[in-house]
Amino acid sequence: LKYSIYKTIIPRNVRLAEAPSHGLPINLYDKRSSGAEAYHLLAE
């Protein structure tokens, strides 16, 4: 792929999969999870 690739990689994460069923984004559902950390880095 000749296009840019984000340095951040989003992991397969149980808490990330659970969050929508609770109606919450991951940074409120479990801010210490690897999924929350990854999306913080992506936002940065």
Full PDB file with SEQRES, HELIX, SHEET, SSBOND, CRYST1, ORIGX, SCALE, CONECT and MASTER records, all heavy atoms in Angstrom:
SEQRES   1 A   44  LEU LYS TYR SER ILE TYR LYS THR ILE ILE PRO ARG ASN          
SEQRES   2 A   44  VAL ARG LEU ALA GLU ALA PRO SER HIS GLY LEU PRO ILE          
SEQRES   3 A   44  ASN LEU TYR ASP LYS ARG SER SER GLY ALA GLU ALA TYR          
SEQRES   4 A   44  HIS LEU LEU ALA GLU                                          
HELIX    1 AA1 VAL A   14  GLU A   18  1                                   5    
HELIX    2 AA2 ALA A   19  HIS A   22  5                                   4    
HELIX    3 AA3 ILE A   26  TYR A   29  1                                   4    
HELIX    4 AA4 SER A   34  ALA A   43  1                                  10    
CRYST1    1.000    1.000    1.000  90.00  90.00  90.00 P 1           1          
ORIGX1      1.000000  0.000000  0.000000        0.00000                         
ORIGX2      0.000000  1.000000  0.000000        0.00000                         
ORIGX3      0.000000  0.000000  1.000000        0.00000                         
SCALE1      1.000000  0.000000  0.000000        0.00000                         
SCALE2      0.000000  1.000000  0.000000        0.00000                         
SCALE3      0.000000  0.000000  1.000000        0.00000                         
ATOM      1  N   LEU A   1       0.844  -1.198   0.000  1.00  0.00           N  
ATOM      2  CA  LEU A   1       0.000   0.000   0.000  1.00  0.00           C  
ATOM      3  C   LEU A   1       0.877   1.245   0.000  1.00  0.00           C  
ATOM      4  O   LEU A   1       1.753   1.402   0.842  1.00  0.00           O  
ATOM      5  CB  LEU A   1      -0.905  -0.007   1.251  1.00  0.00           C  
ATOM      6  CG  LEU A   1      -2.182   0.818   1.180  1.00  0.00           C  
ATOM      7  CD1 LEU A   1      -3.119   0.264   0.106  1.00  0.00           C  
ATOM      8  CD2 LEU A   1      -2.896   0.808   2.531  1.00  0.00           C  
ATOM      9  N   LYS A   2       0.619   2.115  -0.948  1.00  0.00           N  
ATOM     10  CA  LYS A   2       1.456   3.311  -1.055  1.00  0.00           C  
ATOM     11  C   LYS A   2       0.926   4.465  -0.194  1.00  0.00           C  
ATOM     12  O   LYS A   2       1.526   5.534  -0.152  1.00  0.00           O  
ATOM     13  CB  LYS A   2       1.545   3.759  -2.515  1.00  0.00           C  
ATOM     14  CG  LYS A   2       0.214   4.150  -3.138  1.00  0.00           C  
ATOM     15  CD  LYS A   2       0.400   4.552  -4.591  1.00  0.00           C  
ATOM     16  CE  LYS A   2      -0.939   4.918  -5.229  1.00  0.00           C  
ATOM     17  NZ  LYS A   2      -0.807   5.296  -6.648  1.00  0.00           N  
ATOM     18  N   TYR A   3      -0.209   4.228   0.476  1.00  0.00           N  
ATOM     19  CA  TYR A   3      -0.796   5.283   1.297  1.00  0.00           C  
ATOM     20  C   TYR A   3      -0.275   5.213   2.728  1.00  0.00           C  
ATOM     21  O   TYR A   3       0.212   4.182   3.175  1.00  0.00           O  
ATOM     22  CB  TYR A   3      -2.333   5.174   1.276  1.00  0.00           C  
ATOM     23  CG  TYR A   3      -2.882   5.369  -0.110  1.00  0.00           C  
ATOM     24  CD1 TYR A   3      -3.186   4.272  -0.911  1.00  0.00           C  
ATOM     25  CD2 TYR A   3      -3.063   6.639  -0.642  1.00  0.00           C  
ATOM     26  CE1 TYR A   3      -3.668   4.434  -2.198  1.00  0.00           C  
ATOM     27  CE2 TYR A   3      -3.546   6.815  -1.929  1.00  0.00           C  
ATOM     28  CZ  TYR A   3      -3.846   5.711  -2.700  1.00  0.00           C  
ATOM     29  OH  TYR A   3      -4.303   5.886  -3.964  1.00  0.00           O  
ATOM     30  N   SER A   4      -0.413   6.320   3.444  1.00  0.00           N  
ATOM     31  CA  SER A   4       0.110   6.373   4.806  1.00  0.00           C  
ATOM     32  C   SER A   4      -0.667   5.447   5.733  1.00  0.00           C  
ATOM     33  O   SER A   4      -1.870   5.236   5.562  1.00  0.00           O  
ATOM     34  CB  SER A   4       0.068   7.806   5.339  1.00  0.00           C  
ATOM     35  OG  SER A   4      -1.257   8.292   5.344  1.00  0.00           O  
ATOM     36  N   ILE A   5       0.034   4.898   6.692  1.00  0.00           N  
ATOM     37  CA  ILE A   5      -0.551   3.965   7.658  1.00  0.00           C  
ATOM     38  C   ILE A   5      -0.318   4.536   9.055  1.00  0.00           C  
ATOM     39  O   ILE A   5       0.787   4.956   9.393  1.00  0.00           O  
ATOM     40  CB  ILE A   5       0.095   2.573   7.529  1.00  0.00           C  
ATOM     41  CG1 ILE A   5      -0.226   1.980   6.142  1.00  0.00           C  
ATOM     42  CG2 ILE A   5      -0.381   1.637   8.629  1.00  0.00           C  
ATOM     43  CD1 ILE A   5       0.512   0.698   5.821  1.00  0.00           C  
ATOM     44  N   TYR A   6      -1.380   4.575   9.849  1.00  0.00           N  
ATOM     45  CA  TYR A   6      -1.241   5.089  11.213  1.00  0.00           C  
ATOM     46  C   TYR A   6      -0.310   4.195  12.023  1.00  0.00           C  
ATOM     47  O   TYR A   6      -0.322   2.972  11.878  1.00  0.00           O  
ATOM     48  CB  TYR A   6      -2.610   5.140  11.908  1.00  0.00           C  
ATOM     49  CG  TYR A   6      -3.496   6.256  11.412  1.00  0.00           C  
ATOM     50  CD1 TYR A   6      -4.532   6.008  10.520  1.00  0.00           C  
ATOM     51  CD2 TYR A   6      -3.304   7.575  11.843  1.00  0.00           C  
ATOM     52  CE1 TYR A   6      -5.343   7.032  10.061  1.00  0.00           C  
ATOM     53  CE2 TYR A   6      -4.121   8.598  11.390  1.00  0.00           C  
ATOM     54  CZ  TYR A   6      -5.128   8.320  10.499  1.00  0.00           C  
ATOM     55  OH  TYR A   6      -5.925   9.339  10.044  1.00  0.00           O  
ATOM     56  N   LYS A   7       0.465   4.838  12.858  1.00  0.00           N  
ATOM     57  CA  LYS A   7       1.359   4.069  13.750  1.00  0.00           C  
ATOM     58  C   LYS A   7       0.541   3.258  14.758  1.00  0.00           C  
ATOM     59  O   LYS A   7       0.924   2.163  15.146  1.00  0.00           O  
ATOM     60  CB  LYS A   7       2.306   5.033  14.489  1.00  0.00           C  
ATOM     61  CG  LYS A   7       3.294   5.742  13.585  1.00  0.00           C  
ATOM     62  CD  LYS A   7       4.364   6.482  14.376  1.00  0.00           C  
ATOM     63  CE  LYS A   7       3.810   7.690  15.113  1.00  0.00           C  
ATOM     64  NZ  LYS A   7       3.498   8.810  14.176  1.00  0.00           N  
ATOM     65  N   THR A   8      -0.592   3.818  15.172  1.00  0.00           N  
ATOM     66  CA  THR A   8      -1.445   3.136  16.146  1.00  0.00           C  
ATOM     67  C   THR A   8      -2.130   1.936  15.511  1.00  0.00           C  
ATOM     68  O   THR A   8      -2.696   2.026  14.420  1.00  0.00           O  
ATOM     69  CB  THR A   8      -2.527   4.101  16.678  1.00  0.00           C  
ATOM     70  OG1 THR A   8      -1.898   5.250  17.240  1.00  0.00           O  
ATOM     71  CG2 THR A   8      -3.392   3.417  17.726  1.00  0.00           C  
ATOM     72  N   ILE A   9      -2.093   0.802  16.204  1.00  0.00           N  
ATOM     73  CA  ILE A   9      -2.796  -0.410  15.783  1.00  0.00           C  
ATOM     74  C   ILE A   9      -3.823  -0.750  16.865  1.00  0.00           C  
ATOM     75  O   ILE A   9      -3.503  -0.786  18.052  1.00  0.00           O  
ATOM     76  CB  ILE A   9      -1.807  -1.575  15.578  1.00  0.00           C  
ATOM     77  CG1 ILE A   9      -0.864  -1.265  14.399  1.00  0.00           C  
ATOM     78  CG2 ILE A   9      -2.553  -2.877  15.336  1.00  0.00           C  
ATOM     79  CD1 ILE A   9       0.190  -2.327  14.149  1.00  0.00           C  
ATOM     80  N   ILE A  10      -5.073  -0.958  16.438  1.00  0.00           N  
ATOM     81  CA  ILE A  10      -6.153  -1.241  17.395  1.00  0.00           C  
ATOM     82  C   ILE A  10      -6.179  -2.742  17.694  1.00  0.00           C  
ATOM     83  O   ILE A  10      -6.348  -3.558  16.783  1.00  0.00           O  
ATOM     84  CB  ILE A  10      -7.526  -0.797  16.832  1.00  0.00           C  
ATOM     85  CG1 ILE A  10      -7.470   0.650  16.322  1.00  0.00           C  
ATOM     86  CG2 ILE A  10      -8.603  -0.978  17.900  1.00  0.00           C  
ATOM     87  CD1 ILE A  10      -7.084   1.690  17.339  1.00  0.00           C  
ATOM     88  N   PRO A  11      -6.013  -3.137  18.945  1.00  0.00           N  
ATOM     89  CA  PRO A  11      -5.955  -4.571  19.265  1.00  0.00           C  
ATOM     90  C   PRO A  11      -7.339  -5.213  19.312  1.00  0.00           C  
ATOM     91  O   PRO A  11      -8.355  -4.530  19.448  1.00  0.00           O  
ATOM     92  CB  PRO A  11      -5.338  -4.561  20.667  1.00  0.00           C  
ATOM     93  CG  PRO A  11      -5.840  -3.283  21.278  1.00  0.00           C  
ATOM     94  CD  PRO A  11      -5.870  -2.283  20.150  1.00  0.00           C  
ATOM     95  N   ARG A  12      -7.347  -6.518  19.166  1.00  0.00           N  
ATOM     96  CA  ARG A  12      -8.571  -7.273  19.465  1.00  0.00           C  
ATOM     97  C   ARG A  12      -8.707  -7.283  20.984  1.00  0.00           C  
ATOM     98  O   ARG A  12      -7.818  -7.747  21.687  1.00  0.00           O  
ATOM     99  CB  ARG A  12      -8.464  -8.700  18.925  1.00  0.00           C  
ATOM    100  CG  ARG A  12      -9.760  -9.487  19.003  1.00  0.00           C  
ATOM    101  CD  ARG A  12      -9.597 -10.855  18.364  1.00  0.00           C  
ATOM    102  NE  ARG A  12      -9.445 -10.798  16.932  1.00  0.00           N  
ATOM    103  CZ  ARG A  12     -10.449 -10.676  16.063  1.00  0.00           C  
ATOM    104  NH1 ARG A  12     -11.698 -10.607  16.510  1.00  0.00           N  
ATOM    105  NH2 ARG A  12     -10.217 -10.644  14.767  1.00  0.00           N  
ATOM    106  N   ASN A  13      -9.822  -6.735  21.495  1.00  0.00           N  
ATOM    107  CA  ASN A  13      -9.930  -6.474  22.922  1.00  0.00           C  
ATOM    108  C   ASN A  13     -11.362  -6.733  23.397  1.00  0.00           C  
ATOM    109  O   ASN A  13     -12.315  -6.189  22.834  1.00  0.00           O  
ATOM    110  CB  ASN A  13      -9.521  -5.012  23.182  1.00  0.00           C  
ATOM    111  CG  ASN A  13      -9.635  -4.594  24.629  1.00  0.00           C  
ATOM    112  OD1 ASN A  13     -10.397  -3.700  24.951  1.00  0.00           O  
ATOM    113  ND2 ASN A  13      -8.894  -5.219  25.523  1.00  0.00           N  
ATOM    114  N   VAL A  14     -11.504  -7.572  24.412  1.00  0.00           N  
ATOM    115  CA  VAL A  14     -12.836  -7.945  24.897  1.00  0.00           C  
ATOM    116  C   VAL A  14     -13.606  -6.725  25.381  1.00  0.00           C  
ATOM    117  O   VAL A  14     -14.795  -6.559  25.081  1.00  0.00           O  
ATOM    118  CB  VAL A  14     -12.720  -8.990  26.039  1.00  0.00           C  
ATOM    119  CG1 VAL A  14     -14.089  -9.242  26.664  1.00  0.00           C  
ATOM    120  CG2 VAL A  14     -12.137 -10.290  25.507  1.00  0.00           C  
ATOM    121  N   ARG A  15     -12.953  -5.840  26.106  1.00  0.00           N  
ATOM    122  CA  ARG A  15     -13.630  -4.653  26.641  1.00  0.00           C  
ATOM    123  C   ARG A  15     -14.133  -3.737  25.525  1.00  0.00           C  
ATOM    124  O   ARG A  15     -15.188  -3.122  25.624  1.00  0.00           O  
ATOM    125  CB  ARG A  15     -12.692  -3.880  27.571  1.00  0.00           C  
ATOM    126  CG  ARG A  15     -12.118  -4.704  28.708  1.00  0.00           C  
ATOM    127  CD  ARG A  15     -13.181  -5.223  29.643  1.00  0.00           C  
ATOM    128  NE  ARG A  15     -13.520  -4.254  30.685  1.00  0.00           N  
ATOM    129  CZ  ARG A  15     -14.534  -4.384  31.538  1.00  0.00           C  
ATOM    130  NH1 ARG A  15     -15.330  -5.443  31.445  1.00  0.00           N  
ATOM    131  NH2 ARG A  15     -14.770  -3.484  32.460  1.00  0.00           N  
ATOM    132  N   LEU A  16     -13.376  -3.691  24.456  1.00  0.00           N  
ATOM    133  CA  LEU A  16     -13.766  -2.901  23.284  1.00  0.00           C  
ATOM    134  C   LEU A  16     -15.030  -3.476  22.653  1.00  0.00           C  
ATOM    135  O   LEU A  16     -15.923  -2.738  22.228  1.00  0.00           O  
ATOM    136  CB  LEU A  16     -12.615  -2.915  22.271  1.00  0.00           C  
ATOM    137  CG  LEU A  16     -12.471  -1.815  21.230  1.00  0.00           C  
ATOM    138  CD1 LEU A  16     -12.535  -0.434  21.848  1.00  0.00           C  
ATOM    139  CD2 LEU A  16     -11.162  -1.994  20.483  1.00  0.00           C  
ATOM    140  N   ALA A  17     -15.121  -4.792  22.623  1.00  0.00           N  
ATOM    141  CA  ALA A  17     -16.298  -5.460  22.065  1.00  0.00           C  
ATOM    142  C   ALA A  17     -17.519  -5.314  22.969  1.00  0.00           C  
ATOM    143  O   ALA A  17     -18.654  -5.266  22.491  1.00  0.00           O  
ATOM    144  CB  ALA A  17     -15.986  -6.937  21.836  1.00  0.00           C  
ATOM    145  N   GLU A  18     -17.285  -5.251  24.278  1.00  0.00           N  
ATOM    146  CA  GLU A  18     -18.394  -5.141  25.240  1.00  0.00           C  
ATOM    147  C   GLU A  18     -18.998  -3.741  25.301  1.00  0.00           C  
ATOM    148  O   GLU A  18     -20.195  -3.588  25.548  1.00  0.00           O  
ATOM    149  CB  GLU A  18     -17.890  -5.492  26.647  1.00  0.00           C  
ATOM    150  CG  GLU A  18     -17.541  -6.943  26.858  1.00  0.00           C  
ATOM    151  CD  GLU A  18     -16.886  -7.174  28.218  1.00  0.00           C  
ATOM    152  OE1 GLU A  18     -16.545  -6.191  28.918  1.00  0.00           O  
ATOM    153  OE2 GLU A  18     -16.709  -8.347  28.575  1.00  0.00           O  
ATOM    154  N   ALA A  19     -18.197  -2.720  25.087  1.00  0.00           N  
ATOM    155  CA  ALA A  19     -18.608  -1.336  25.331  1.00  0.00           C  
ATOM    156  C   ALA A  19     -19.922  -0.931  24.645  1.00  0.00           C  
ATOM    157  O   ALA A  19     -20.782  -0.305  25.282  1.00  0.00           O  
ATOM    158  CB  ALA A  19     -17.471  -0.386  24.952  1.00  0.00           C  
ATOM    159  N   PRO A  20     -20.147  -1.266  23.344  1.00  0.00           N  
ATOM    160  CA  PRO A  20     -21.389  -0.828  22.694  1.00  0.00           C  
ATOM    161  C   PRO A  20     -22.654  -1.359  23.360  1.00  0.00           C  
ATOM    162  O   PRO A  20     -23.687  -0.678  23.384  1.00  0.00           O  
ATOM    163  CB  PRO A  20     -21.252  -1.371  21.267  1.00  0.00           C  
ATOM    164  CG  PRO A  20     -19.803  -1.574  21.063  1.00  0.00           C  
ATOM    165  CD  PRO A  20     -19.254  -1.957  22.394  1.00  0.00           C  
ATOM    166  N   SER A  21     -22.594  -2.567  23.906  1.00  0.00           N  
ATOM    167  CA  SER A  21     -23.784  -3.137  24.546  1.00  0.00           C  
ATOM    168  C   SER A  21     -24.148  -2.383  25.818  1.00  0.00           C  
ATOM    169  O   SER A  21     -25.269  -2.487  26.314  1.00  0.00           O  
ATOM    170  CB  SER A  21     -23.568  -4.626  24.855  1.00  0.00           C  
ATOM    171  OG  SER A  21     -22.540  -4.796  25.821  1.00  0.00           O  
ATOM    172  N   HIS A  22     -23.205  -1.617  26.350  1.00  0.00           N  
ATOM    173  CA  HIS A  22     -23.460  -0.778  27.526  1.00  0.00           C  
ATOM    174  C   HIS A  22     -23.727   0.673  27.132  1.00  0.00           C  
ATOM    175  O   HIS A  22     -23.917   1.530  28.002  1.00  0.00           O  
ATOM    176  CB  HIS A  22     -22.266  -0.851  28.485  1.00  0.00           C  
ATOM    177  CG  HIS A  22     -22.058  -2.211  29.081  1.00  0.00           C  
ATOM    178  ND1 HIS A  22     -22.635  -2.614  30.271  1.00  0.00           N  
ATOM    179  CD2 HIS A  22     -21.354  -3.282  28.633  1.00  0.00           C  
ATOM    180  CE1 HIS A  22     -22.282  -3.860  30.538  1.00  0.00           C  
ATOM    181  NE2 HIS A  22     -21.509  -4.287  29.556  1.00  0.00           N  
ATOM    182  N   GLY A  23     -23.729   0.940  25.818  1.00  0.00           N  
ATOM    183  CA  GLY A  23     -24.000   2.290  25.337  1.00  0.00           C  
ATOM    184  C   GLY A  23     -22.926   3.288  25.708  1.00  0.00           C  
ATOM    185  O   GLY A  23     -23.220   4.472  25.934  1.00  0.00           O  
ATOM    186  N   LEU A  24     -21.676   2.821  25.775  1.00  0.00           N  
ATOM    187  CA  LEU A  24     -20.576   3.695  26.198  1.00  0.00           C  
ATOM    188  C   LEU A  24     -19.389   3.583  25.243  1.00  0.00           C  
ATOM    189  O   LEU A  24     -19.085   2.494  24.757  1.00  0.00           O  
ATOM    190  CB  LEU A  24     -20.092   3.306  27.600  1.00  0.00           C  
ATOM    191  CG  LEU A  24     -21.043   3.555  28.781  1.00  0.00           C  
ATOM    192  CD1 LEU A  24     -20.502   2.865  30.029  1.00  0.00           C  
ATOM    193  CD2 LEU A  24     -21.211   5.051  29.025  1.00  0.00           C  
ATOM    194  N   PRO A  25     -18.694   4.694  24.997  1.00  0.00           N  
ATOM    195  CA  PRO A  25     -17.409   4.603  24.299  1.00  0.00           C  
ATOM    196  C   PRO A  25     -16.385   3.967  25.228  1.00  0.00           C  
ATOM    197  O   PRO A  25     -16.534   3.998  26.458  1.00  0.00           O  
ATOM    198  CB  PRO A  25     -17.063   6.065  23.989  1.00  0.00           C  
ATOM    199  CG  PRO A  25     -17.817   6.873  24.999  1.00  0.00           C  
ATOM    200  CD  PRO A  25     -19.056   6.099  25.315  1.00  0.00           C  
ATOM    201  N   ILE A  26     -15.335   3.414  24.661  1.00  0.00           N  
ATOM    202  CA  ILE A  26     -14.380   2.640  25.448  1.00  0.00           C  
ATOM    203  C   ILE A  26     -13.663   3.484  26.509  1.00  0.00           C  
ATOM    204  O   ILE A  26     -13.340   2.991  27.586  1.00  0.00           O  
ATOM    205  CB  ILE A  26     -13.354   1.928  24.526  1.00  0.00           C  
ATOM    206  CG1 ILE A  26     -12.495   0.934  25.309  1.00  0.00           C  
ATOM    207  CG2 ILE A  26     -12.489   2.938  23.790  1.00  0.00           C  
ATOM    208  CD1 ILE A  26     -13.242  -0.192  25.981  1.00  0.00           C  
ATOM    209  N   ASN A  27     -13.449   4.767  26.248  1.00  0.00           N  
ATOM    210  CA  ASN A  27     -12.728   5.594  27.223  1.00  0.00           C  
ATOM    211  C   ASN A  27     -13.575   5.923  28.445  1.00  0.00           C  
ATOM    212  O   ASN A  27     -13.061   6.436  29.434  1.00  0.00           O  
ATOM    213  CB  ASN A  27     -12.157   6.870  26.585  1.00  0.00           C  
ATOM    214  CG  ASN A  27     -13.185   7.677  25.824  1.00  0.00           C  
ATOM    215  OD1 ASN A  27     -14.223   7.160  25.396  1.00  0.00           O  
ATOM    216  ND2 ASN A  27     -12.906   8.946  25.636  1.00  0.00           N  
ATOM    217  N   LEU A  28     -14.870   5.611  28.407  1.00  0.00           N  
ATOM    218  CA  LEU A  28     -15.711   5.713  29.604  1.00  0.00           C  
ATOM    219  C   LEU A  28     -16.033   4.334  30.175  1.00  0.00           C  
ATOM    220  O   LEU A  28     -16.205   4.179  31.376  1.00  0.00           O  
ATOM    221  CB  LEU A  28     -17.011   6.458  29.292  1.00  0.00           C  
ATOM    222  CG  LEU A  28     -16.870   7.961  29.025  1.00  0.00           C  
ATOM    223  CD1 LEU A  28     -18.225   8.571  28.696  1.00  0.00           C  
ATOM    224  CD2 LEU A  28     -16.251   8.685  30.224  1.00  0.00           C  
ATOM    225  N   TYR A  29     -16.109   3.334  29.306  1.00  0.00           N  
ATOM    226  CA  TYR A  29     -16.430   1.986  29.764  1.00  0.00           C  
ATOM    227  C   TYR A  29     -15.262   1.362  30.527  1.00  0.00           C  
ATOM    228  O   TYR A  29     -15.450   0.783  31.602  1.00  0.00           O  
ATOM    229  CB  TYR A  29     -16.819   1.104  28.570  1.00  0.00           C  
ATOM    230  CG  TYR A  29     -17.171  -0.304  28.943  1.00  0.00           C  
ATOM    231  CD1 TYR A  29     -18.259  -0.575  29.774  1.00  0.00           C  
ATOM    232  CD2 TYR A  29     -16.416  -1.375  28.473  1.00  0.00           C  
ATOM    233  CE1 TYR A  29     -18.584  -1.877  30.118  1.00  0.00           C  
ATOM    234  CE2 TYR A  29     -16.735  -2.677  28.806  1.00  0.00           C  
ATOM    235  CZ  TYR A  29     -17.817  -2.928  29.640  1.00  0.00           C  
ATOM    236  OH  TYR A  29     -18.125  -4.226  29.983  1.00  0.00           O  
ATOM    237  N   ASP A  30     -14.070   1.486  29.975  1.00  0.00           N  
ATOM    238  CA  ASP A  30     -12.876   0.966  30.659  1.00  0.00           C  
ATOM    239  C   ASP A  30     -11.658   1.737  30.140  1.00  0.00           C  
ATOM    240  O   ASP A  30     -11.000   1.309  29.183  1.00  0.00           O  
ATOM    241  CB  ASP A  30     -12.717  -0.532  30.403  1.00  0.00           C  
ATOM    242  CG  ASP A  30     -11.581  -1.134  31.233  1.00  0.00           C  
ATOM    243  OD1 ASP A  30     -10.814  -0.366  31.856  1.00  0.00           O  
ATOM    244  OD2 ASP A  30     -11.445  -2.368  31.244  1.00  0.00           O  
ATOM    245  N   LYS A  31     -11.379   2.852  30.770  1.00  0.00           N  
ATOM    246  CA  LYS A  31     -10.322   3.739  30.260  1.00  0.00           C  
ATOM    247  C   LYS A  31      -8.926   3.143  30.402  1.00  0.00           C  
ATOM    248  O   LYS A  31      -7.976   3.638  29.797  1.00  0.00           O  
ATOM    249  CB  LYS A  31     -10.382   5.101  30.955  1.00  0.00           C  
ATOM    250  CG  LYS A  31     -10.106   5.070  32.451  1.00  0.00           C  
ATOM    251  CD  LYS A  31     -10.236   6.471  33.034  1.00  0.00           C  
ATOM    252  CE  LYS A  31      -9.965   6.489  34.535  1.00  0.00           C  
ATOM    253  NZ  LYS A  31     -10.126   7.843  35.094  1.00  0.00           N  
ATOM    254  N   ARG A  32      -8.792   2.069  31.205  1.00  0.00           N  
ATOM    255  CA  ARG A  32      -7.470   1.447  31.364  1.00  0.00           C  
ATOM    256  C   ARG A  32      -7.250   0.284  30.384  1.00  0.00           C  
ATOM    257  O   ARG A  32      -6.176  -0.316  30.382  1.00  0.00           O  
ATOM    258  CB  ARG A  32      -7.292   0.937  32.798  1.00  0.00           C  
ATOM    259  CG  ARG A  32      -7.268   2.048  33.842  1.00  0.00           C  
ATOM    260  CD  ARG A  32      -6.978   1.488  35.233  1.00  0.00           C  
ATOM    261  NE  ARG A  32      -7.073   2.500  36.254  1.00  0.00           N  
ATOM    262  CZ  ARG A  32      -8.199   2.847  36.864  1.00  0.00           C  
ATOM    263  NH1 ARG A  32      -9.333   2.229  36.532  1.00  0.00           N  
ATOM    264  NH2 ARG A  32      -8.227   3.786  37.782  1.00  0.00           N  
ATOM    265  N   SER A  33      -8.249  -0.038  29.595  1.00  0.00           N  
ATOM    266  CA  SER A  33      -8.120  -1.169  28.671  1.00  0.00           C  
ATOM    267  C   SER A  33      -7.169  -0.833  27.535  1.00  0.00           C  
ATOM    268  O   SER A  33      -6.919   0.336  27.216  1.00  0.00           O  
ATOM    269  CB  SER A  33      -9.496  -1.536  28.098  1.00  0.00           C  
ATOM    270  OG  SER A  33      -9.968  -0.491  27.259  1.00  0.00           O  
ATOM    271  N   SER A  34      -6.657  -1.869  26.892  1.00  0.00           N  
ATOM    272  CA  SER A  34      -5.751  -1.652  25.760  1.00  0.00           C  
ATOM    273  C   SER A  34      -6.478  -0.975  24.600  1.00  0.00           C  
ATOM    274  O   SER A  34      -5.879  -0.204  23.844  1.00  0.00           O  
ATOM    275  CB  SER A  34      -5.144  -2.982  25.305  1.00  0.00           C  
ATOM    276  OG  SER A  34      -6.159  -3.891  24.892  1.00  0.00           O  
ATOM    277  N   GLY A  35      -7.791  -1.242  24.474  1.00  0.00           N  
ATOM    278  CA  GLY A  35      -8.586  -0.593  23.423  1.00  0.00           C  
ATOM    279  C   GLY A  35      -8.689   0.909  23.634  1.00  0.00           C  
ATOM    280  O   GLY A  35      -8.552   1.687  22.688  1.00  0.00           O  
ATOM    281  N   ALA A  36      -8.915   1.328  24.883  1.00  0.00           N  
ATOM    282  CA  ALA A  36      -9.004   2.755  25.195  1.00  0.00           C  
ATOM    283  C   ALA A  36      -7.670   3.444  24.933  1.00  0.00           C  
ATOM    284  O   ALA A  36      -7.619   4.543  24.360  1.00  0.00           O  
ATOM    285  CB  ALA A  36      -9.432   2.945  26.649  1.00  0.00           C  
ATOM    286  N   GLU A  37      -6.594   2.797  25.348  1.00  0.00           N  
ATOM    287  CA  GLU A  37      -5.259   3.374  25.131  1.00  0.00           C  
ATOM    288  C   GLU A  37      -4.972   3.534  23.633  1.00  0.00           C  
ATOM    289  O   GLU A  37      -4.428   4.556  23.198  1.00  0.00           O  
ATOM    290  CB  GLU A  37      -4.190   2.476  25.771  1.00  0.00           C  
ATOM    291  CG  GLU A  37      -4.222   2.493  27.303  1.00  0.00           C  
ATOM    292  CD  GLU A  37      -3.272   1.469  27.915  1.00  0.00           C  
ATOM    293  OE1 GLU A  37      -2.494   0.857  27.144  1.00  0.00           O  
ATOM    294  OE2 GLU A  37      -3.318   1.278  29.140  1.00  0.00           O  
ATOM    295  N   ALA A  38      -5.378   2.548  22.839  1.00  0.00           N  
ATOM    296  CA  ALA A  38      -5.123   2.591  21.394  1.00  0.00           C  
ATOM    297  C   ALA A  38      -5.902   3.733  20.736  1.00  0.00           C  
ATOM    298  O   ALA A  38      -5.349   4.473  19.906  1.00  0.00           O  
ATOM    299  CB  ALA A  38      -5.493   1.251  20.754  1.00  0.00           C  
ATOM    300  N   TYR A  39      -7.176   3.890  21.104  1.00  0.00           N  
ATOM    301  CA  TYR A  39      -7.964   4.958  20.475  1.00  0.00           C  
ATOM    302  C   TYR A  39      -7.518   6.344  20.931  1.00  0.00           C  
ATOM    303  O   TYR A  39      -7.619   7.309  20.168  1.00  0.00           O  
ATOM    304  CB  TYR A  39      -9.464   4.729  20.681  1.00  0.00           C  
ATOM    305  CG  TYR A  39     -10.014   3.780  19.642  1.00  0.00           C  
ATOM    306  CD1 TYR A  39     -10.431   2.491  19.983  1.00  0.00           C  
ATOM    307  CD2 TYR A  39     -10.073   4.162  18.305  1.00  0.00           C  
ATOM    308  CE1 TYR A  39     -10.903   1.618  19.011  1.00  0.00           C  
ATOM    309  CE2 TYR A  39     -10.542   3.286  17.339  1.00  0.00           C  
ATOM    310  CZ  TYR A  39     -10.952   2.031  17.688  1.00  0.00           C  
ATOM    311  OH  TYR A  39     -11.404   1.159  16.710  1.00  0.00           O  
ATOM    312  N   HIS A  40      -6.993   6.452  22.139  1.00  0.00           N  
ATOM    313  CA  HIS A  40      -6.381   7.715  22.568  1.00  0.00           C  
ATOM    314  C   HIS A  40      -5.194   8.058  21.676  1.00  0.00           C  
ATOM    315  O   HIS A  40      -5.037   9.213  21.246  1.00  0.00           O  
ATOM    316  CB  HIS A  40      -5.928   7.627  24.032  1.00  0.00           C  
ATOM    317  CG  HIS A  40      -6.930   8.164  25.004  1.00  0.00           C  
ATOM    318  ND1 HIS A  40      -7.233   9.501  25.098  1.00  0.00           N  
ATOM    319  CD2 HIS A  40      -7.725   7.536  25.920  1.00  0.00           C  
ATOM    320  CE1 HIS A  40      -8.157   9.681  26.022  1.00  0.00           C  
ATOM    321  NE2 HIS A  40      -8.483   8.505  26.534  1.00  0.00           N  
ATOM    322  N   LEU A  41      -4.364   7.061  21.410  1.00  0.00           N  
ATOM    323  CA  LEU A  41      -3.193   7.288  20.559  1.00  0.00           C  
ATOM    324  C   LEU A  41      -3.606   7.640  19.130  1.00  0.00           C  
ATOM    325  O   LEU A  41      -2.998   8.508  18.491  1.00  0.00           O  
ATOM    326  CB  LEU A  41      -2.301   6.039  20.557  1.00  0.00           C  
ATOM    327  CG  LEU A  41      -1.573   5.733  21.876  1.00  0.00           C  
ATOM    328  CD1 LEU A  41      -0.906   4.357  21.800  1.00  0.00           C  
ATOM    329  CD2 LEU A  41      -0.534   6.809  22.192  1.00  0.00           C  
ATOM    330  N   LEU A  42      -4.655   6.974  18.631  1.00  0.00           N  
ATOM    331  CA  LEU A  42      -5.145   7.279  17.292  1.00  0.00           C  
ATOM    332  C   LEU A  42      -5.667   8.714  17.229  1.00  0.00           C  
ATOM    333  O   LEU A  42      -5.396   9.439  16.259  1.00  0.00           O  
ATOM    334  CB  LEU A  42      -6.247   6.294  16.886  1.00  0.00           C  
ATOM    335  CG  LEU A  42      -6.824   6.496  15.481  1.00  0.00           C  
ATOM    336  CD1 LEU A  42      -5.745   6.306  14.410  1.00  0.00           C  
ATOM    337  CD2 LEU A  42      -8.001   5.542  15.240  1.00  0.00           C  
ATOM    338  N   ALA A  43      -6.401   9.132  18.263  1.00  0.00           N  
ATOM    339  CA  ALA A  43      -6.912  10.509  18.309  1.00  0.00           C  
ATOM    340  C   ALA A  43      -5.761  11.518  18.296  1.00  0.00           C  
ATOM    341  O   ALA A  43      -5.836  12.554  17.626  1.00  0.00           O  
ATOM    342  CB  ALA A  43      -7.787  10.702  19.547  1.00  0.00           C  
ATOM    343  N   GLU A  44      -4.708  11.204  19.022  1.00  0.00           N  
ATOM    344  CA  GLU A  44      -3.531  12.090  19.031  1.00  0.00           C  
ATOM    345  C   GLU A  44      -2.924  12.200  17.634  1.00  0.00           C  
ATOM    346  O   GLU A  44      -2.523  13.293  17.205  1.00  0.00           O  
ATOM    347  CB  GLU A  44      -2.493  11.574  20.030  1.00  0.00           C  
ATOM    348  CG  GLU A  44      -2.885  11.797  21.485  1.00  0.00           C  
ATOM    349  CD  GLU A  44      -1.902  11.159  22.459  1.00  0.00           C  
ATOM    350  OE1 GLU A  44      -0.909  10.544  21.999  1.00  0.00           O  
ATOM    351  OE2 GLU A  44      -2.124  11.277  23.681  1.00  0.00           O  
TER     352      GLU A  44                                                      
MASTER        0    0    0    4    0    0    0    6  351    1    0    4          
END                                                                             
